Structure formats: structure tokens, C-alpha cells
Amino acid sequence: MLRIVPGEETLARACVDALRRLGFRVASEPSARPGVRALRVLGGVAEQLRLVAVTDPAVARMRDVGGARVEEPPGGAPRVVSVRDTGTLRPMVDITTGTGDFVAAGVVSHNCFARNTHTYLDLDAGADFDSQIVVKVNVARVLERELARPSWRREHVAMGTNTDPYQRAEGRYRLMPGVIGALARSGRRSPS
């Protein structure tokens, strides 16, 4: 939930006016500071993201929507209604990775942030990324070995942190059954 605490009544009225002119719905409510009202932007994470895109706040924590829940709209799953050119360039934020990739008008598009990791492999982040797929065909064997190490203390195991684990390469190499098997044999339980 996004709250703005202007501090004084004149500034609060100016904020409400500006937000409404930009098409935001706003509620006024008590804040933690006595005698000071807070303004709450209504509409959930989609409107919060739109506000960040429109205002580009200087305070970094105001851009953070990590862990925010995207509500399912009445009538079922979200769907694209229309796509149009707004004629402006705006900074975008990928709420799943925080990498600044792509969210537009409340439509969330998860984008892989692996492009720059190609440079770690001495490959070009442009042409090489577009033309060369790197597949660790021994991933299950390496994972099994790492999980068997006495130094492993049953920490969380992050999967797909660089890109989605179910890429087209999975159809050819069928790596995930081995990965899932190694994790299952390790005794690591997923959090409930």
C-alpha cells in the first residue's frame, strides 16, 4: 500500500489535486504522526506502479514493490485489453526481479535479466545473447554433488534466478527431471 504523508494541510491539498489530475484515486487517513493526514493511493500495485512510472520518485524505497500482491481482477485472470503508443518514454520496473525491465499500465511482463550475464561468460550481451544459448547439461549431476557436501547446511536453493528454467532448451535437454530428483533426494523441504 502506498501512502504519502505531506506534513501540512496546504501541501496535502496540492498533492491530492495533482494526483487527481493525473487520474489517481486518493483516500485521506490518519498517519502515525499526530495531527498529520496521510494520502493513500487506491487501486493496488498496478496504480502504485503507474504512480512510480509517472512521478519517478527520488526516494528509492518508494519505487520498491517487492513482495506486493497483484490482485486478480473480478471475472478472472488479468488479460491485455489494448496496447497503444503513449508517445512518451517512461522507466519500467519488473516487479518479479526489480531489474527495471517492464511493467506498463498495470500489465506485468516478466523479462529475463540474463542478458548481462553473457558478459560473465566472455560473450557479448547483444549479438551473442541473441544467437547463443548456454545450457549447463550437467546441472543435475553438479547439483547432486553440491547438495551432498557436508558443508551444505540445508539453505534455500534458488532456481531460475537468471532466467526462466523452462526455456525451449528444456524440450531438447530435459534437465528439470534430474534437477527435481536431486532436490528431492537431498531432503530439502520447500517452505509452506
N, C-alpha and C. Protein backbone atom coordinates (compact mmCIF):
# COMPACT_ATOMS: atom_id res chain seq x y z
N MET A 1 0.85 -1.16 0.00
CA MET A 1 0.00 0.00 0.00
C MET A 1 0.90 1.23 0.00
N LEU A 2 0.58 2.19 -0.80
CA LEU A 2 1.38 3.40 -0.95
C LEU A 2 0.72 4.55 -0.23
N ARG A 3 1.45 5.13 0.73
CA ARG A 3 0.96 6.30 1.47
C ARG A 3 1.92 7.46 1.27
N ILE A 4 1.36 8.64 1.15
CA ILE A 4 2.14 9.87 1.05
C ILE A 4 1.76 10.71 2.26
N VAL A 5 2.75 11.18 3.01
CA VAL A 5 2.49 11.99 4.20
C VAL A 5 3.06 13.38 3.95
N PRO A 6 2.24 14.30 3.43
CA PRO A 6 2.74 15.63 3.06
C PRO A 6 3.23 16.49 4.21
N GLY A 7 2.67 16.34 5.42
CA GLY A 7 3.17 17.10 6.55
C GLY A 7 2.34 18.31 6.92
N GLU A 8 1.77 19.00 5.98
CA GLU A 8 0.92 20.15 6.29
C GLU A 8 -0.28 20.15 5.35
N GLU A 9 -1.36 20.79 5.79
CA GLU A 9 -2.63 20.75 5.07
C GLU A 9 -2.55 21.35 3.67
N THR A 10 -1.84 22.46 3.50
CA THR A 10 -1.74 23.10 2.18
C THR A 10 -1.05 22.16 1.18
N LEU A 11 0.02 21.53 1.63
CA LEU A 11 0.74 20.59 0.76
C LEU A 11 -0.11 19.36 0.48
N ALA A 12 -0.87 18.91 1.47
CA ALA A 12 -1.75 17.75 1.27
C ALA A 12 -2.79 18.04 0.20
N ARG A 13 -3.40 19.23 0.26
CA ARG A 13 -4.41 19.60 -0.76
C ARG A 13 -3.78 19.66 -2.15
N ALA A 14 -2.58 20.22 -2.23
CA ALA A 14 -1.89 20.30 -3.52
C ALA A 14 -1.57 18.90 -4.06
N CYS A 15 -1.17 17.99 -3.17
CA CYS A 15 -0.88 16.60 -3.59
C CYS A 15 -2.14 15.91 -4.10
N VAL A 16 -3.23 16.06 -3.37
CA VAL A 16 -4.49 15.43 -3.79
C VAL A 16 -4.91 15.98 -5.15
N ASP A 17 -4.81 17.28 -5.33
CA ASP A 17 -5.18 17.90 -6.60
C ASP A 17 -4.32 17.36 -7.73
N ALA A 18 -3.01 17.30 -7.52
CA ALA A 18 -2.09 16.81 -8.56
C ALA A 18 -2.36 15.35 -8.88
N LEU A 19 -2.56 14.53 -7.86
CA LEU A 19 -2.82 13.11 -8.08
C LEU A 19 -4.13 12.91 -8.84
N ARG A 20 -5.13 13.64 -8.49
CA ARG A 20 -6.42 13.50 -9.19
C ARG A 20 -6.31 13.96 -10.64
N ARG A 21 -5.54 15.03 -10.90
CA ARG A 21 -5.37 15.48 -12.29
C ARG A 21 -4.64 14.42 -13.11
N LEU A 22 -3.80 13.62 -12.44
CA LEU A 22 -3.09 12.54 -13.13
C LEU A 22 -3.93 11.27 -13.22
N GLY A 23 -5.16 11.31 -12.68
CA GLY A 23 -6.07 10.18 -12.80
C GLY A 23 -5.98 9.17 -11.67
N PHE A 24 -5.38 9.54 -10.55
CA PHE A 24 -5.28 8.64 -9.41
C PHE A 24 -6.43 8.88 -8.45
N ARG A 25 -6.90 7.80 -7.84
CA ARG A 25 -7.88 7.91 -6.77
C ARG A 25 -7.11 7.93 -5.46
N VAL A 26 -7.52 8.82 -4.54
CA VAL A 26 -6.77 9.03 -3.30
C VAL A 26 -7.72 9.02 -2.11
N ALA A 27 -7.29 8.39 -1.02
CA ALA A 27 -8.03 8.44 0.24
C ALA A 27 -7.17 9.14 1.28
N SER A 28 -7.80 9.90 2.15
CA SER A 28 -7.10 10.59 3.22
C SER A 28 -7.37 9.83 4.51
N GLU A 29 -6.32 9.60 5.31
CA GLU A 29 -6.48 8.84 6.55
C GLU A 29 -5.46 9.30 7.58
N PRO A 30 -5.66 8.99 8.85
CA PRO A 30 -4.71 9.40 9.88
C PRO A 30 -3.34 8.75 9.62
N SER A 31 -2.29 9.46 9.96
CA SER A 31 -0.93 8.90 9.84
C SER A 31 -0.40 8.61 11.23
N ALA A 32 0.80 8.09 11.31
CA ALA A 32 1.43 7.81 12.60
C ALA A 32 1.80 9.10 13.33
N ARG A 33 1.90 10.20 12.59
CA ARG A 33 2.23 11.49 13.19
C ARG A 33 0.94 12.20 13.62
N PRO A 34 0.83 12.58 14.88
CA PRO A 34 -0.40 13.22 15.37
C PRO A 34 -0.73 14.49 14.59
N GLY A 35 -1.99 14.60 14.20
CA GLY A 35 -2.45 15.79 13.51
C GLY A 35 -2.09 15.87 12.04
N VAL A 36 -1.42 14.88 11.51
CA VAL A 36 -0.99 14.88 10.11
C VAL A 36 -1.74 13.78 9.37
N ARG A 37 -2.34 14.11 8.24
CA ARG A 37 -3.07 13.14 7.43
C ARG A 37 -2.13 12.48 6.42
N ALA A 38 -2.42 11.24 6.12
CA ALA A 38 -1.69 10.52 5.08
C ALA A 38 -2.61 10.36 3.88
N LEU A 39 -2.04 10.37 2.71
CA LEU A 39 -2.79 10.14 1.49
C LEU A 39 -2.47 8.74 1.00
N ARG A 40 -3.49 7.96 0.74
CA ARG A 40 -3.28 6.60 0.27
C ARG A 40 -3.76 6.52 -1.17
N VAL A 41 -2.87 6.07 -2.07
CA VAL A 41 -3.22 5.89 -3.48
C VAL A 41 -3.99 4.59 -3.59
N LEU A 42 -5.20 4.65 -4.12
CA LEU A 42 -6.06 3.48 -4.25
C LEU A 42 -5.79 2.76 -5.56
N GLY A 43 -6.13 1.47 -5.61
CA GLY A 43 -6.00 0.73 -6.85
C GLY A 43 -4.95 -0.35 -6.82
N GLY A 44 -4.31 -0.53 -5.68
CA GLY A 44 -3.36 -1.63 -5.53
C GLY A 44 -2.04 -1.40 -6.24
N VAL A 45 -1.33 -2.52 -6.46
CA VAL A 45 0.03 -2.44 -7.00
C VAL A 45 0.07 -1.87 -8.42
N ALA A 46 -0.98 -2.10 -9.20
CA ALA A 46 -0.98 -1.56 -10.57
C ALA A 46 -0.94 -0.04 -10.55
N GLU A 47 -1.73 0.58 -9.65
CA GLU A 47 -1.72 2.03 -9.55
C GLU A 47 -0.44 2.54 -8.91
N GLN A 48 0.10 1.77 -7.96
CA GLN A 48 1.38 2.16 -7.36
C GLN A 48 2.48 2.18 -8.42
N LEU A 49 2.50 1.18 -9.26
CA LEU A 49 3.49 1.13 -10.34
C LEU A 49 3.28 2.28 -11.33
N ARG A 50 2.03 2.59 -11.61
CA ARG A 50 1.75 3.70 -12.52
C ARG A 50 2.23 5.01 -11.91
N LEU A 51 2.01 5.18 -10.60
CA LEU A 51 2.47 6.40 -9.94
C LEU A 51 3.99 6.51 -10.00
N VAL A 52 4.69 5.40 -9.76
CA VAL A 52 6.15 5.40 -9.85
C VAL A 52 6.59 5.76 -11.26
N ALA A 53 5.92 5.21 -12.26
CA ALA A 53 6.28 5.50 -13.65
C ALA A 53 6.03 6.96 -14.01
N VAL A 54 4.95 7.53 -13.49
CA VAL A 54 4.59 8.91 -13.82
C VAL A 54 5.46 9.91 -13.08
N THR A 55 5.75 9.64 -11.80
CA THR A 55 6.43 10.63 -10.97
C THR A 55 7.93 10.41 -10.84
N ASP A 56 8.42 9.18 -11.04
CA ASP A 56 9.83 8.84 -10.91
C ASP A 56 10.41 9.41 -9.60
N PRO A 57 9.94 8.90 -8.44
CA PRO A 57 10.36 9.46 -7.16
C PRO A 57 11.87 9.31 -6.92
N ALA A 58 12.44 10.33 -6.27
CA ALA A 58 13.87 10.31 -5.97
C ALA A 58 14.19 9.35 -4.84
N VAL A 59 13.24 9.08 -3.95
CA VAL A 59 13.46 8.18 -2.82
C VAL A 59 13.32 6.74 -3.33
N ALA A 60 14.42 6.00 -3.32
CA ALA A 60 14.45 4.65 -3.91
C ALA A 60 13.42 3.72 -3.29
N ARG A 61 13.19 3.79 -1.98
CA ARG A 61 12.24 2.86 -1.35
C ARG A 61 10.82 3.05 -1.87
N MET A 62 10.53 4.23 -2.42
CA MET A 62 9.20 4.47 -2.98
C MET A 62 9.00 3.69 -4.28
N ARG A 63 10.08 3.29 -4.92
CA ARG A 63 9.98 2.53 -6.17
C ARG A 63 9.85 1.03 -5.91
N ASP A 64 10.10 0.60 -4.68
CA ASP A 64 10.16 -0.81 -4.36
C ASP A 64 8.76 -1.39 -4.15
N VAL A 65 8.38 -2.33 -4.99
CA VAL A 65 7.11 -3.01 -4.84
C VAL A 65 7.33 -4.51 -4.62
N GLY A 66 8.55 -4.86 -4.21
CA GLY A 66 8.89 -6.25 -3.94
C GLY A 66 7.93 -6.85 -2.93
N GLY A 67 7.42 -8.02 -3.23
CA GLY A 67 6.51 -8.71 -2.33
C GLY A 67 5.07 -8.26 -2.43
N ALA A 68 4.80 -7.25 -3.28
CA ALA A 68 3.42 -6.76 -3.41
C ALA A 68 2.59 -7.81 -4.13
N ARG A 69 1.35 -7.94 -3.70
CA ARG A 69 0.45 -8.92 -4.30
C ARG A 69 -0.32 -8.28 -5.44
N VAL A 70 -0.32 -8.92 -6.59
CA VAL A 70 -1.10 -8.44 -7.73
C VAL A 70 -2.46 -9.13 -7.64
N GLU A 71 -3.47 -8.33 -7.39
CA GLU A 71 -4.83 -8.87 -7.22
C GLU A 71 -5.40 -9.33 -8.57
N GLU A 72 -6.12 -10.44 -8.52
CA GLU A 72 -6.82 -10.89 -9.72
C GLU A 72 -8.07 -10.05 -9.88
N PRO A 73 -8.28 -9.49 -11.06
CA PRO A 73 -9.47 -8.63 -11.24
C PRO A 73 -10.75 -9.46 -11.20
N PRO A 74 -11.89 -8.80 -10.90
CA PRO A 74 -13.17 -9.52 -10.91
C PRO A 74 -13.39 -10.16 -12.28
N GLY A 75 -13.84 -11.39 -12.27
CA GLY A 75 -14.14 -12.05 -13.54
C GLY A 75 -13.00 -12.91 -14.07
N GLY A 76 -11.90 -13.05 -13.33
CA GLY A 76 -10.86 -13.97 -13.78
C GLY A 76 -9.49 -13.35 -13.89
N ALA A 77 -8.61 -14.09 -14.54
CA ALA A 77 -7.21 -13.71 -14.66
C ALA A 77 -7.04 -12.42 -15.47
N PRO A 78 -5.96 -11.66 -15.17
CA PRO A 78 -5.71 -10.44 -15.94
C PRO A 78 -5.48 -10.76 -17.42
N ARG A 79 -5.90 -9.83 -18.28
CA ARG A 79 -5.67 -10.02 -19.70
C ARG A 79 -5.40 -8.66 -20.34
N VAL A 80 -4.71 -8.68 -21.46
CA VAL A 80 -4.42 -7.45 -22.18
C VAL A 80 -5.69 -7.02 -22.91
N VAL A 81 -6.12 -5.80 -22.67
CA VAL A 81 -7.31 -5.26 -23.32
C VAL A 81 -6.92 -4.50 -24.57
N SER A 82 -5.84 -3.71 -24.47
CA SER A 82 -5.36 -2.98 -25.63
C SER A 82 -3.91 -2.57 -25.41
N VAL A 83 -3.25 -2.29 -26.51
CA VAL A 83 -1.87 -1.80 -26.48
C VAL A 83 -1.83 -0.57 -27.36
N ARG A 84 -1.28 0.51 -26.81
CA ARG A 84 -1.19 1.73 -27.61
C ARG A 84 0.10 2.46 -27.27
N ASP A 85 0.58 3.22 -28.21
CA ASP A 85 1.77 4.04 -28.03
C ASP A 85 1.37 5.29 -27.28
N THR A 86 2.01 5.54 -26.14
CA THR A 86 1.67 6.73 -25.35
C THR A 86 2.44 7.95 -25.84
N GLY A 87 3.42 7.73 -26.69
CA GLY A 87 4.21 8.84 -27.20
C GLY A 87 5.27 9.34 -26.23
N THR A 88 5.43 8.64 -25.10
CA THR A 88 6.43 9.04 -24.11
C THR A 88 7.27 7.84 -23.70
N LEU A 89 8.48 8.10 -23.26
CA LEU A 89 9.33 7.07 -22.70
C LEU A 89 9.26 7.17 -21.19
N ARG A 90 9.04 6.03 -20.52
CA ARG A 90 8.95 6.02 -19.06
C ARG A 90 9.82 4.90 -18.51
N PRO A 91 10.39 5.09 -17.34
CA PRO A 91 11.14 3.99 -16.73
C PRO A 91 10.19 2.87 -16.36
N MET A 92 10.60 1.64 -16.57
CA MET A 92 9.77 0.49 -16.27
C MET A 92 10.39 -0.31 -15.13
N VAL A 93 9.57 -1.03 -14.39
CA VAL A 93 10.04 -1.83 -13.27
C VAL A 93 9.45 -3.23 -13.40
N ASP A 94 10.30 -4.23 -13.35
CA ASP A 94 9.85 -5.62 -13.35
C ASP A 94 9.64 -6.01 -11.89
N ILE A 95 8.38 -6.20 -11.47
CA ILE A 95 8.12 -6.46 -10.07
C ILE A 95 8.62 -7.83 -9.63
N THR A 96 8.94 -8.72 -10.56
CA THR A 96 9.43 -10.03 -10.16
C THR A 96 10.92 -10.06 -9.92
N THR A 97 11.65 -9.15 -10.52
CA THR A 97 13.10 -9.16 -10.34
C THR A 97 13.66 -7.84 -9.85
N GLY A 98 12.89 -6.78 -9.95
CA GLY A 98 13.38 -5.47 -9.55
C GLY A 98 14.45 -4.93 -10.47
N THR A 99 14.53 -5.44 -11.68
CA THR A 99 15.62 -5.06 -12.58
C THR A 99 15.30 -3.88 -13.48
N GLY A 100 14.11 -3.34 -13.39
CA GLY A 100 13.77 -2.22 -14.26
C GLY A 100 13.44 -2.65 -15.66
N ASP A 101 12.86 -3.83 -15.83
CA ASP A 101 12.59 -4.33 -17.16
C ASP A 101 11.26 -3.86 -17.74
N PHE A 102 10.12 -4.33 -17.25
CA PHE A 102 8.91 -3.99 -17.99
C PHE A 102 7.62 -4.20 -17.21
N VAL A 103 6.95 -3.12 -16.92
CA VAL A 103 5.57 -3.12 -16.45
C VAL A 103 4.94 -1.89 -17.08
N ALA A 104 3.81 -2.05 -17.74
CA ALA A 104 3.19 -0.91 -18.41
C ALA A 104 1.70 -0.92 -18.17
N ALA A 105 1.18 0.19 -17.71
CA ALA A 105 -0.27 0.38 -17.49
C ALA A 105 -0.90 -0.79 -16.74
N GLY A 106 -0.20 -1.30 -15.74
CA GLY A 106 -0.73 -2.39 -14.93
C GLY A 106 -0.59 -3.76 -15.55
N VAL A 107 -0.04 -3.86 -16.75
CA VAL A 107 0.19 -5.17 -17.37
C VAL A 107 1.61 -5.59 -17.05
N VAL A 108 1.76 -6.71 -16.37
CA VAL A 108 3.06 -7.17 -15.94
C VAL A 108 3.63 -8.12 -16.98
N SER A 109 4.83 -7.82 -17.47
CA SER A 109 5.51 -8.70 -18.41
C SER A 109 6.86 -9.06 -17.82
N HIS A 110 7.03 -10.32 -17.46
CA HIS A 110 8.31 -10.75 -16.88
C HIS A 110 9.36 -10.85 -17.98
N ASN A 111 10.43 -10.17 -17.78
CA ASN A 111 11.52 -10.20 -18.75
C ASN A 111 12.76 -10.80 -18.11
N CYS A 112 13.42 -11.63 -18.85
CA CYS A 112 14.65 -12.26 -18.39
C CYS A 112 15.72 -11.19 -18.21
N PHE A 113 16.49 -11.30 -17.13
CA PHE A 113 17.57 -10.34 -16.93
C PHE A 113 18.93 -11.01 -17.13
N ALA A 114 18.96 -12.04 -17.98
CA ALA A 114 20.18 -12.80 -18.20
C ALA A 114 21.14 -12.14 -19.18
N ARG A 115 20.66 -11.17 -19.93
CA ARG A 115 21.48 -10.58 -21.00
C ARG A 115 22.89 -10.21 -20.50
N ASN A 116 22.96 -9.50 -19.38
CA ASN A 116 24.27 -9.07 -18.90
C ASN A 116 25.13 -10.22 -18.38
N THR A 117 24.54 -11.36 -18.04
CA THR A 117 25.37 -12.47 -17.56
C THR A 117 26.16 -13.11 -18.69
N HIS A 118 25.77 -12.87 -19.92
CA HIS A 118 26.58 -13.38 -21.03
C HIS A 118 27.99 -12.80 -20.98
N THR A 119 28.12 -11.57 -20.50
CA THR A 119 29.45 -10.96 -20.41
C THR A 119 30.31 -11.69 -19.39
N TYR A 120 29.69 -12.26 -18.35
CA TYR A 120 30.41 -13.07 -17.36
C TYR A 120 31.06 -14.28 -18.03
N LEU A 121 30.42 -14.76 -19.07
CA LEU A 121 30.92 -15.92 -19.82
C LEU A 121 31.78 -15.50 -21.01
N ASP A 122 32.23 -14.24 -21.00
CA ASP A 122 33.03 -13.68 -22.09
C ASP A 122 32.29 -13.69 -23.42
N LEU A 123 30.99 -13.55 -23.35
CA LEU A 123 30.17 -13.44 -24.55
C LEU A 123 29.61 -12.02 -24.60
N ASP A 124 29.15 -11.61 -25.76
CA ASP A 124 28.58 -10.29 -25.94
C ASP A 124 27.13 -10.28 -25.47
N ALA A 125 26.75 -9.23 -24.72
CA ALA A 125 25.38 -9.13 -24.21
C ALA A 125 24.37 -8.82 -25.31
N GLY A 126 24.83 -8.46 -26.48
CA GLY A 126 23.93 -8.15 -27.59
C GLY A 126 23.78 -9.31 -28.54
N ALA A 127 24.65 -9.36 -29.55
CA ALA A 127 24.55 -10.36 -30.61
C ALA A 127 24.69 -11.79 -30.09
N ASP A 128 25.66 -12.02 -29.18
CA ASP A 128 25.84 -13.38 -28.65
C ASP A 128 24.61 -13.82 -27.86
N PHE A 129 24.06 -12.90 -27.06
CA PHE A 129 22.87 -13.26 -26.29
C PHE A 129 21.72 -13.63 -27.22
N ASP A 130 21.61 -12.91 -28.34
CA ASP A 130 20.53 -13.17 -29.29
C ASP A 130 20.73 -14.44 -30.10
N SER A 131 21.97 -14.94 -30.15
CA SER A 131 22.24 -16.07 -31.04
C SER A 131 22.82 -17.31 -30.36
N GLN A 132 23.26 -17.21 -29.12
CA GLN A 132 23.88 -18.35 -28.45
C GLN A 132 23.19 -18.65 -27.13
N ILE A 133 22.71 -19.86 -26.99
CA ILE A 133 22.08 -20.31 -25.76
C ILE A 133 23.10 -21.13 -24.99
N VAL A 134 23.27 -20.81 -23.72
CA VAL A 134 24.21 -21.53 -22.87
C VAL A 134 23.40 -22.51 -22.03
N VAL A 135 23.70 -23.79 -22.16
CA VAL A 135 22.99 -24.84 -21.44
C VAL A 135 23.99 -25.62 -20.61
N LYS A 136 23.76 -25.70 -19.32
CA LYS A 136 24.60 -26.49 -18.43
C LYS A 136 24.02 -27.90 -18.40
N VAL A 137 24.47 -28.74 -19.31
CA VAL A 137 23.87 -30.06 -19.46
C VAL A 137 24.17 -30.98 -18.28
N ASN A 138 25.15 -30.61 -17.46
CA ASN A 138 25.50 -31.43 -16.30
C ASN A 138 24.90 -30.87 -15.01
N VAL A 139 23.89 -30.01 -15.12
CA VAL A 139 23.35 -29.31 -13.97
C VAL A 139 22.87 -30.26 -12.87
N ALA A 140 22.19 -31.34 -13.22
CA ALA A 140 21.67 -32.26 -12.21
C ALA A 140 22.80 -32.96 -11.47
N ARG A 141 23.81 -33.37 -12.20
CA ARG A 141 24.97 -34.04 -11.58
C ARG A 141 25.71 -33.09 -10.64
N VAL A 142 25.93 -31.86 -11.08
CA VAL A 142 26.63 -30.87 -10.24
C VAL A 142 25.79 -30.54 -9.01
N LEU A 143 24.49 -30.36 -9.19
CA LEU A 143 23.60 -30.05 -8.08
C LEU A 143 23.61 -31.18 -7.05
N GLU A 144 23.51 -32.41 -7.53
CA GLU A 144 23.53 -33.57 -6.62
C GLU A 144 24.82 -33.59 -5.80
N ARG A 145 25.94 -33.31 -6.46
CA ARG A 145 27.24 -33.28 -5.77
C ARG A 145 27.28 -32.15 -4.73
N GLU A 146 26.78 -30.98 -5.10
CA GLU A 146 26.79 -29.84 -4.17
C GLU A 146 25.88 -30.09 -2.96
N LEU A 147 24.72 -30.70 -3.20
CA LEU A 147 23.78 -30.97 -2.10
C LEU A 147 24.30 -32.05 -1.16
N ALA A 148 25.21 -32.89 -1.64
CA ALA A 148 25.77 -33.96 -0.82
C ALA A 148 26.96 -33.50 0.02
N ARG A 149 27.45 -32.30 -0.23
CA ARG A 149 28.62 -31.80 0.51
C ARG A 149 28.28 -31.62 1.98
N PRO A 150 29.18 -32.05 2.87
CA PRO A 150 28.94 -31.87 4.31
C PRO A 150 28.78 -30.39 4.70
N SER A 151 29.36 -29.50 3.93
CA SER A 151 29.28 -28.07 4.27
C SER A 151 27.90 -27.46 3.96
N TRP A 152 27.07 -28.18 3.18
CA TRP A 152 25.74 -27.65 2.86
C TRP A 152 24.85 -27.78 4.08
N ARG A 153 24.29 -26.69 4.54
CA ARG A 153 23.52 -26.65 5.78
C ARG A 153 22.01 -26.54 5.52
N ARG A 154 21.55 -27.09 4.44
CA ARG A 154 20.13 -27.09 4.10
C ARG A 154 19.59 -25.67 3.88
N GLU A 155 20.43 -24.81 3.28
CA GLU A 155 19.98 -23.47 2.94
C GLU A 155 18.96 -23.56 1.81
N HIS A 156 18.29 -22.44 1.57
CA HIS A 156 17.36 -22.38 0.44
C HIS A 156 18.13 -22.56 -0.86
N VAL A 157 17.48 -23.17 -1.83
CA VAL A 157 18.06 -23.35 -3.15
C VAL A 157 17.25 -22.48 -4.11
N ALA A 158 17.92 -21.55 -4.77
CA ALA A 158 17.23 -20.65 -5.71
C ALA A 158 17.33 -21.24 -7.11
N MET A 159 16.19 -21.36 -7.76
CA MET A 159 16.16 -21.89 -9.12
C MET A 159 15.63 -20.82 -10.06
N GLY A 160 16.20 -20.74 -11.23
CA GLY A 160 15.69 -19.82 -12.22
C GLY A 160 15.96 -18.36 -11.88
N THR A 161 17.03 -18.10 -11.14
CA THR A 161 17.30 -16.72 -10.75
C THR A 161 17.87 -15.90 -11.89
N ASN A 162 18.37 -16.54 -12.90
CA ASN A 162 18.96 -15.82 -14.02
C ASN A 162 18.03 -15.73 -15.20
N THR A 163 17.17 -16.70 -15.33
CA THR A 163 16.19 -16.72 -16.41
C THR A 163 15.20 -17.83 -16.09
N ASP A 164 14.11 -17.87 -16.79
CA ASP A 164 13.13 -18.92 -16.52
C ASP A 164 13.75 -20.29 -16.76
N PRO A 165 13.55 -21.24 -15.83
CA PRO A 165 14.15 -22.56 -16.00
C PRO A 165 13.50 -23.38 -17.11
N TYR A 166 12.31 -22.97 -17.56
CA TYR A 166 11.63 -23.75 -18.58
C TYR A 166 11.72 -23.09 -19.94
N GLN A 167 12.91 -22.97 -20.45
CA GLN A 167 13.12 -22.40 -21.77
C GLN A 167 12.94 -23.48 -22.82
N ARG A 168 13.04 -23.06 -24.05
CA ARG A 168 12.93 -24.04 -25.15
C ARG A 168 13.99 -25.13 -25.05
N ALA A 169 15.15 -24.78 -24.49
CA ALA A 169 16.22 -25.77 -24.37
C ALA A 169 15.78 -26.96 -23.52
N GLU A 170 14.85 -26.75 -22.61
CA GLU A 170 14.37 -27.85 -21.76
C GLU A 170 13.74 -28.95 -22.61
N GLY A 171 13.05 -28.57 -23.66
CA GLY A 171 12.45 -29.56 -24.54
C GLY A 171 13.47 -30.49 -25.17
N ARG A 172 14.65 -29.96 -25.41
CA ARG A 172 15.70 -30.77 -26.03
C ARG A 172 16.51 -31.54 -25.01
N TYR A 173 16.90 -30.89 -23.91
CA TYR A 173 17.84 -31.50 -22.96
C TYR A 173 17.17 -32.19 -21.77
N ARG A 174 15.90 -31.85 -21.49
CA ARG A 174 15.16 -32.49 -20.39
C ARG A 174 15.97 -32.51 -19.09
N LEU A 175 16.40 -31.35 -18.63
CA LEU A 175 17.24 -31.23 -17.44
C LEU A 175 16.45 -31.17 -16.13
N MET A 176 15.24 -30.61 -16.17
CA MET A 176 14.50 -30.40 -14.93
C MET A 176 14.14 -31.67 -14.17
N PRO A 177 13.81 -32.79 -14.82
CA PRO A 177 13.54 -34.00 -14.03
C PRO A 177 14.75 -34.40 -13.17
N GLY A 178 15.95 -34.27 -13.70
CA GLY A 178 17.16 -34.58 -12.92
C GLY A 178 17.37 -33.60 -11.78
N VAL A 179 17.10 -32.31 -12.04
CA VAL A 179 17.24 -31.28 -11.01
C VAL A 179 16.23 -31.54 -9.89
N ILE A 180 14.99 -31.78 -10.25
CA ILE A 180 13.95 -32.03 -9.25
C ILE A 180 14.27 -33.31 -8.46
N GLY A 181 14.76 -34.32 -9.15
CA GLY A 181 15.15 -35.56 -8.47
C GLY A 181 16.28 -35.33 -7.47
N ALA A 182 17.28 -34.55 -7.87
CA ALA A 182 18.40 -34.25 -6.95
C ALA A 182 17.91 -33.50 -5.73
N LEU A 183 17.02 -32.54 -5.93
CA LEU A 183 16.48 -31.79 -4.79
C LEU A 183 15.66 -32.71 -3.89
N ALA A 184 14.84 -33.57 -4.47
CA ALA A 184 14.02 -34.48 -3.68
C ALA A 184 14.87 -35.43 -2.86
N ARG A 185 15.94 -35.94 -3.45
CA ARG A 185 16.82 -36.86 -2.74
C ARG A 185 17.64 -36.16 -1.65
N SER A 186 17.77 -34.84 -1.72
CA SER A 186 18.58 -34.11 -0.75
C SER A 186 17.89 -33.98 0.59
N GLY A 187 16.57 -34.15 0.61
CA GLY A 187 15.83 -34.00 1.84
C GLY A 187 15.41 -32.58 2.12
N ARG A 188 15.69 -31.66 1.21
CA ARG A 188 15.29 -30.26 1.39
C ARG A 188 13.79 -30.15 1.19
N ARG A 189 13.11 -29.58 2.15
CA ARG A 189 11.66 -29.39 2.05
C ARG A 189 11.38 -27.96 1.62
N SER A 190 10.41 -27.79 0.74
CA SER A 190 10.07 -26.43 0.32
C SER A 190 9.27 -25.76 1.43
N PRO A 191 9.43 -24.41 1.55
CA PRO A 191 8.66 -23.72 2.59
C PRO A 191 7.17 -23.79 2.29
N SER A 192 6.35 -23.88 3.33
CA SER A 192 4.90 -23.98 3.12
C SER A 192 4.27 -22.64 2.96
